[in-house]
Amino acid sequence: MAPIPLIYRLYFIYIDPALALYGSILVLTNPTLFLQSTTPPTLTEAASPLTTLLLTQISALYAFFAITEGLVLYQTKQLRIWRSVLLGVLVCDIGHAYAVLSADATAWDLRGWRAVDAINYGILIFGAGLRGSFLLGVGLRPA
């Protein structure tokens, strides 16, 4: 098995799972702040009971991402497993970006970004780019 480069191991085993776990906890402890931090300002409002129910389900998914990425990838150096896990998370990244764009087409206009948007979307774009790079084999040596 080829060694997995340090940048991938650090980000996918430690950093990304920590961010997902933080998001999971934030959803449960302060759903309104989570909404303000992750949705375009034109859509942000206080969490209703229905929104809170859906956010709790999202919290469970974020916890699943943290466990899957952090623990499964930590346990193996098999590129096939890494590719499978990262492809699944990349699909979620694309879905997240699509959801934001379909809800507010101006959300991706950098001129209108708040600091929290730059952080949130920056993490999304960086993570998706790193996942895409891994899936394309960037930096990976053949076994």
C-alpha atoms as a PDB file:
ATOM      1  CA  MET A   1       0.000   0.000   0.000  1.00  0.00           C
ATOM      2  CA  ALA A   2       1.281   3.432  -0.913  1.00  0.00           C
ATOM      3  CA  PRO A   3       1.713   5.897   1.940  1.00  0.00           C
ATOM      4  CA  ILE A   4      -0.920   8.614   2.174  1.00  0.00           C
ATOM      5  CA  PRO A   5       0.611  12.118   2.088  1.00  0.00           C
ATOM      6  CA  LEU A   6       0.637  14.083   5.337  1.00  0.00           C
ATOM      7  CA  ILE A   7      -1.693  16.856   4.120  1.00  0.00           C
ATOM      8  CA  TYR A   8      -4.420  14.316   3.375  1.00  0.00           C
ATOM      9  CA  ARG A   9      -3.939  12.462   6.660  1.00  0.00           C
ATOM     10  CA  LEU A  10      -3.969  15.654   8.732  1.00  0.00           C
ATOM     11  CA  TYR A  11      -7.013  17.131   7.043  1.00  0.00           C
ATOM     12  CA  PHE A  12      -9.175  14.032   6.608  1.00  0.00           C
ATOM     13  CA  ILE A  13      -8.353  12.243   9.865  1.00  0.00           C
ATOM     14  CA  TYR A  14      -8.166  15.222  12.237  1.00  0.00           C
ATOM     15  CA  ILE A  15      -9.187  18.636  10.896  1.00  0.00           C
ATOM     16  CA  ASP A  16     -12.302  17.822   8.847  1.00  0.00           C
ATOM     17  CA  PRO A  17     -13.754  15.451  11.466  1.00  0.00           C
ATOM     18  CA  ALA A  18     -13.162  18.090  14.163  1.00  0.00           C
ATOM     19  CA  LEU A  19     -14.993  20.677  12.052  1.00  0.00           C
ATOM     20  CA  ALA A  20     -17.880  18.257  11.438  1.00  0.00           C
ATOM     21  CA  LEU A  21     -18.080  17.447  15.147  1.00  0.00           C
ATOM     22  CA  TYR A  22     -18.069  21.162  15.980  1.00  0.00           C
ATOM     23  CA  GLY A  23     -20.907  21.685  13.483  1.00  0.00           C
ATOM     24  CA  SER A  24     -22.842  18.797  15.000  1.00  0.00           C
ATOM     25  CA  ILE A  25     -22.522  20.262  18.493  1.00  0.00           C
ATOM     26  CA  LEU A  26     -23.349  23.792  17.299  1.00  0.00           C
ATOM     27  CA  VAL A  27     -26.546  22.552  15.644  1.00  0.00           C
ATOM     28  CA  LEU A  28     -27.690  20.987  18.913  1.00  0.00           C
ATOM     29  CA  THR A  29     -26.661  23.799  21.243  1.00  0.00           C
ATOM     30  CA  ASN A  30     -27.446  26.882  19.162  1.00  0.00           C
ATOM     31  CA  PRO A  31     -29.505  26.135  16.037  1.00  0.00           C
ATOM     32  CA  THR A  32     -30.139  29.818  15.311  1.00  0.00           C
ATOM     33  CA  LEU A  33     -26.409  30.596  15.268  1.00  0.00           C
ATOM     34  CA  PHE A  34     -25.841  27.564  13.053  1.00  0.00           C
ATOM     35  CA  LEU A  35     -28.452  28.861  10.596  1.00  0.00           C
ATOM     36  CA  GLN A  36     -26.939  32.350  10.643  1.00  0.00           C
ATOM     37  CA  SER A  37     -23.496  30.852  10.011  1.00  0.00           C
ATOM     38  CA  THR A  38     -24.397  28.481   7.190  1.00  0.00           C
ATOM     39  CA  THR A  39     -27.197  30.071   5.194  1.00  0.00           C
ATOM     40  CA  PRO A  40     -27.272  33.173   3.010  1.00  0.00           C
ATOM     41  CA  PRO A  41     -28.354  36.266   4.970  1.00  0.00           C
ATOM     42  CA  THR A  42     -31.457  36.560   2.783  1.00  0.00           C
ATOM     43  CA  LEU A  43     -32.716  33.249   4.183  1.00  0.00           C
ATOM     44  CA  THR A  44     -31.602  33.402   7.813  1.00  0.00           C
ATOM     45  CA  GLU A  45     -34.279  33.424  10.475  1.00  0.00           C
ATOM     46  CA  ALA A  46     -34.812  31.996  13.934  1.00  0.00           C
ATOM     47  CA  ALA A  47     -35.121  28.225  14.093  1.00  0.00           C
ATOM     48  CA  SER A  48     -38.730  27.012  14.072  1.00  0.00           C
ATOM     49  CA  PRO A  49     -39.690  23.652  15.607  1.00  0.00           C
ATOM     50  CA  LEU A  50     -39.644  22.067  12.127  1.00  0.00           C
ATOM     51  CA  THR A  51     -36.261  23.604  11.334  1.00  0.00           C
ATOM     52  CA  THR A  52     -34.913  22.405  14.683  1.00  0.00           C
ATOM     53  CA  LEU A  53     -36.102  18.871  13.925  1.00  0.00           C
ATOM     54  CA  LEU A  54     -34.349  18.928  10.547  1.00  0.00           C
ATOM     55  CA  LEU A  55     -31.222  20.466  12.049  1.00  0.00           C
ATOM     56  CA  THR A  56     -31.079  17.716  14.659  1.00  0.00           C
ATOM     57  CA  GLN A  57     -31.053  15.212  11.817  1.00  0.00           C
ATOM     58  CA  ILE A  58     -28.257  17.201  10.162  1.00  0.00           C
ATOM     59  CA  SER A  59     -26.367  17.096  13.448  1.00  0.00           C
ATOM     60  CA  ALA A  60     -26.515  13.302  13.372  1.00  0.00           C
ATOM     61  CA  LEU A  61     -25.178  13.311   9.804  1.00  0.00           C
ATOM     62  CA  TYR A  62     -22.309  15.612  10.772  1.00  0.00           C
ATOM     63  CA  ALA A  63     -21.455  13.256  13.637  1.00  0.00           C
ATOM     64  CA  PHE A  64     -21.513  10.365  11.162  1.00  0.00           C
ATOM     65  CA  PHE A  65     -19.129  12.251   8.847  1.00  0.00           C
ATOM     66  CA  ALA A  66     -16.781  12.920  11.763  1.00  0.00           C
ATOM     67  CA  ILE A  67     -16.760   9.271  12.812  1.00  0.00           C
ATOM     68  CA  THR A  68     -16.492   7.892   9.288  1.00  0.00           C
ATOM     69  CA  GLU A  69     -13.751  10.216   8.164  1.00  0.00           C
ATOM     70  CA  GLY A  70     -11.825  10.306  11.410  1.00  0.00           C
ATOM     71  CA  LEU A  71     -12.028   6.709  12.543  1.00  0.00           C
ATOM     72  CA  VAL A  72     -12.379   4.722   9.332  1.00  0.00           C
ATOM     73  CA  LEU A  73      -9.595   6.562   7.527  1.00  0.00           C
ATOM     74  CA  TYR A  74      -7.378   6.373  10.622  1.00  0.00           C
ATOM     75  CA  GLN A  75      -7.769   2.583  10.642  1.00  0.00           C
ATOM     76  CA  THR A  76      -6.601   1.929   7.081  1.00  0.00           C
ATOM     77  CA  LYS A  77      -4.079   2.900   4.449  1.00  0.00           C
ATOM     78  CA  GLN A  78      -6.041   1.179   1.693  1.00  0.00           C
ATOM     79  CA  LEU A  79      -6.571   3.742  -1.045  1.00  0.00           C
ATOM     80  CA  ARG A  80      -9.753   2.011  -2.188  1.00  0.00           C
ATOM     81  CA  ILE A  81     -11.387   2.662   1.190  1.00  0.00           C
ATOM     82  CA  TRP A  82     -10.074   6.225   1.340  1.00  0.00           C
ATOM     83  CA  ARG A  83     -11.458   6.892  -2.141  1.00  0.00           C
ATOM     84  CA  SER A  84     -14.856   5.448  -1.245  1.00  0.00           C
ATOM     85  CA  VAL A  85     -15.201   7.524   1.920  1.00  0.00           C
ATOM     86  CA  LEU A  86     -13.932  10.728   0.321  1.00  0.00           C
ATOM     87  CA  LEU A  87     -16.162  10.313  -2.730  1.00  0.00           C
ATOM     88  CA  GLY A  88     -19.185  10.086  -0.433  1.00  0.00           C
ATOM     89  CA  VAL A  89     -18.182  13.237   1.438  1.00  0.00           C
ATOM     90  CA  LEU A  90     -17.432  15.052  -1.843  1.00  0.00           C
ATOM     91  CA  VAL A  91     -20.966  14.273  -3.016  1.00  0.00           C
ATOM     92  CA  CYS A  92     -22.201  15.917   0.206  1.00  0.00           C
ATOM     93  CA  ASP A  93     -19.957  18.948  -0.449  1.00  0.00           C
ATOM     94  CA  ILE A  94     -21.467  19.319  -3.909  1.00  0.00           C
ATOM     95  CA  GLY A  95     -24.972  18.932  -2.471  1.00  0.00           C
ATOM     96  CA  HIS A  96     -24.260  21.614   0.126  1.00  0.00           C
ATOM     97  CA  ALA A  97     -22.982  24.035  -2.518  1.00  0.00           C
ATOM     98  CA  TYR A  98     -25.955  23.269  -4.772  1.00  0.00           C
ATOM     99  CA  ALA A  99     -28.420  23.837  -1.925  1.00  0.00           C
ATOM    100  CA  VAL A 100     -26.956  27.252  -1.137  1.00  0.00           C
ATOM    101  CA  LEU A 101     -26.815  28.277  -4.790  1.00  0.00           C
ATOM    102  CA  SER A 102     -30.344  27.085  -5.559  1.00  0.00           C
ATOM    103  CA  ALA A 103     -31.710  28.934  -2.519  1.00  0.00           C
ATOM    104  CA  ASP A 104     -29.934  32.208  -3.295  1.00  0.00           C
ATOM    105  CA  ALA A 105     -28.065  32.615  -6.578  1.00  0.00           C
ATOM    106  CA  THR A 106     -26.185  35.619  -5.169  1.00  0.00           C
ATOM    107  CA  ALA A 107     -24.730  33.561  -2.307  1.00  0.00           C
ATOM    108  CA  TRP A 108     -21.565  32.841  -4.295  1.00  0.00           C
ATOM    109  CA  ASP A 109     -20.902  36.526  -5.054  1.00  0.00           C
ATOM    110  CA  LEU A 110     -17.739  37.133  -3.030  1.00  0.00           C
ATOM    111  CA  ARG A 111     -18.483  40.849  -2.751  1.00  0.00           C
ATOM    112  CA  GLY A 112     -21.498  40.134  -0.575  1.00  0.00           C
ATOM    113  CA  TRP A 113     -19.849  37.648   1.745  1.00  0.00           C
ATOM    114  CA  ARG A 114     -19.759  38.220   5.467  1.00  0.00           C
ATOM    115  CA  ALA A 115     -16.726  36.982   7.422  1.00  0.00           C
ATOM    116  CA  VAL A 116     -18.699  33.897   8.456  1.00  0.00           C
ATOM    117  CA  ASP A 117     -19.502  33.163   4.798  1.00  0.00           C
ATOM    118  CA  ALA A 118     -15.818  33.376   3.864  1.00  0.00           C
ATOM    119  CA  ILE A 119     -14.971  30.917   6.635  1.00  0.00           C
ATOM    120  CA  ASN A 120     -17.858  28.534   5.930  1.00  0.00           C
ATOM    121  CA  TYR A 121     -17.617  28.515   2.140  1.00  0.00           C
ATOM    122  CA  GLY A 122     -13.822  28.661   2.278  1.00  0.00           C
ATOM    123  CA  ILE A 123     -13.746  25.477   4.347  1.00  0.00           C
ATOM    124  CA  LEU A 124     -16.279  23.880   1.995  1.00  0.00           C
ATOM    125  CA  ILE A 125     -14.288  24.806  -1.119  1.00  0.00           C
ATOM    126  CA  PHE A 126     -10.920  23.842   0.383  1.00  0.00           C
ATOM    127  CA  GLY A 127     -12.232  20.485   1.634  1.00  0.00           C
ATOM    128  CA  ALA A 128     -13.942  19.686  -1.661  1.00  0.00           C
ATOM    129  CA  GLY A 129     -10.813  20.661  -3.567  1.00  0.00           C
ATOM    130  CA  LEU A 130      -8.630  18.486  -1.361  1.00  0.00           C
ATOM    131  CA  ARG A 131     -11.049  15.566  -1.720  1.00  0.00           C
ATOM    132  CA  GLY A 132     -11.102  16.050  -5.482  1.00  0.00           C
ATOM    133  CA  SER A 133      -7.298  16.169  -5.550  1.00  0.00           C
ATOM    134  CA  PHE A 134      -7.087  12.929  -3.608  1.00  0.00           C
ATOM    135  CA  LEU A 135      -9.620  11.250  -5.891  1.00  0.00           C
ATOM    136  CA  LEU A 136      -7.621  12.402  -8.924  1.00  0.00           C
ATOM    137  CA  GLY A 137      -4.490  10.914  -7.376  1.00  0.00           C
ATOM    138  CA  VAL A 138      -2.640  14.183  -6.809  1.00  0.00           C
ATOM    139  CA  GLY A 139       0.389  13.468  -4.633  1.00  0.00           C
ATOM    140  CA  LEU A 140      -0.317   9.742  -4.449  1.00  0.00           C
ATOM    141  CA  ARG A 141       2.303   7.269  -5.560  1.00  0.00           C
ATOM    142  CA  PRO A 142       1.204   4.070  -7.269  1.00  0.00           C
ATOM    143  CA  ALA A 143       1.266   1.047  -4.965  1.00  0.00           C
END
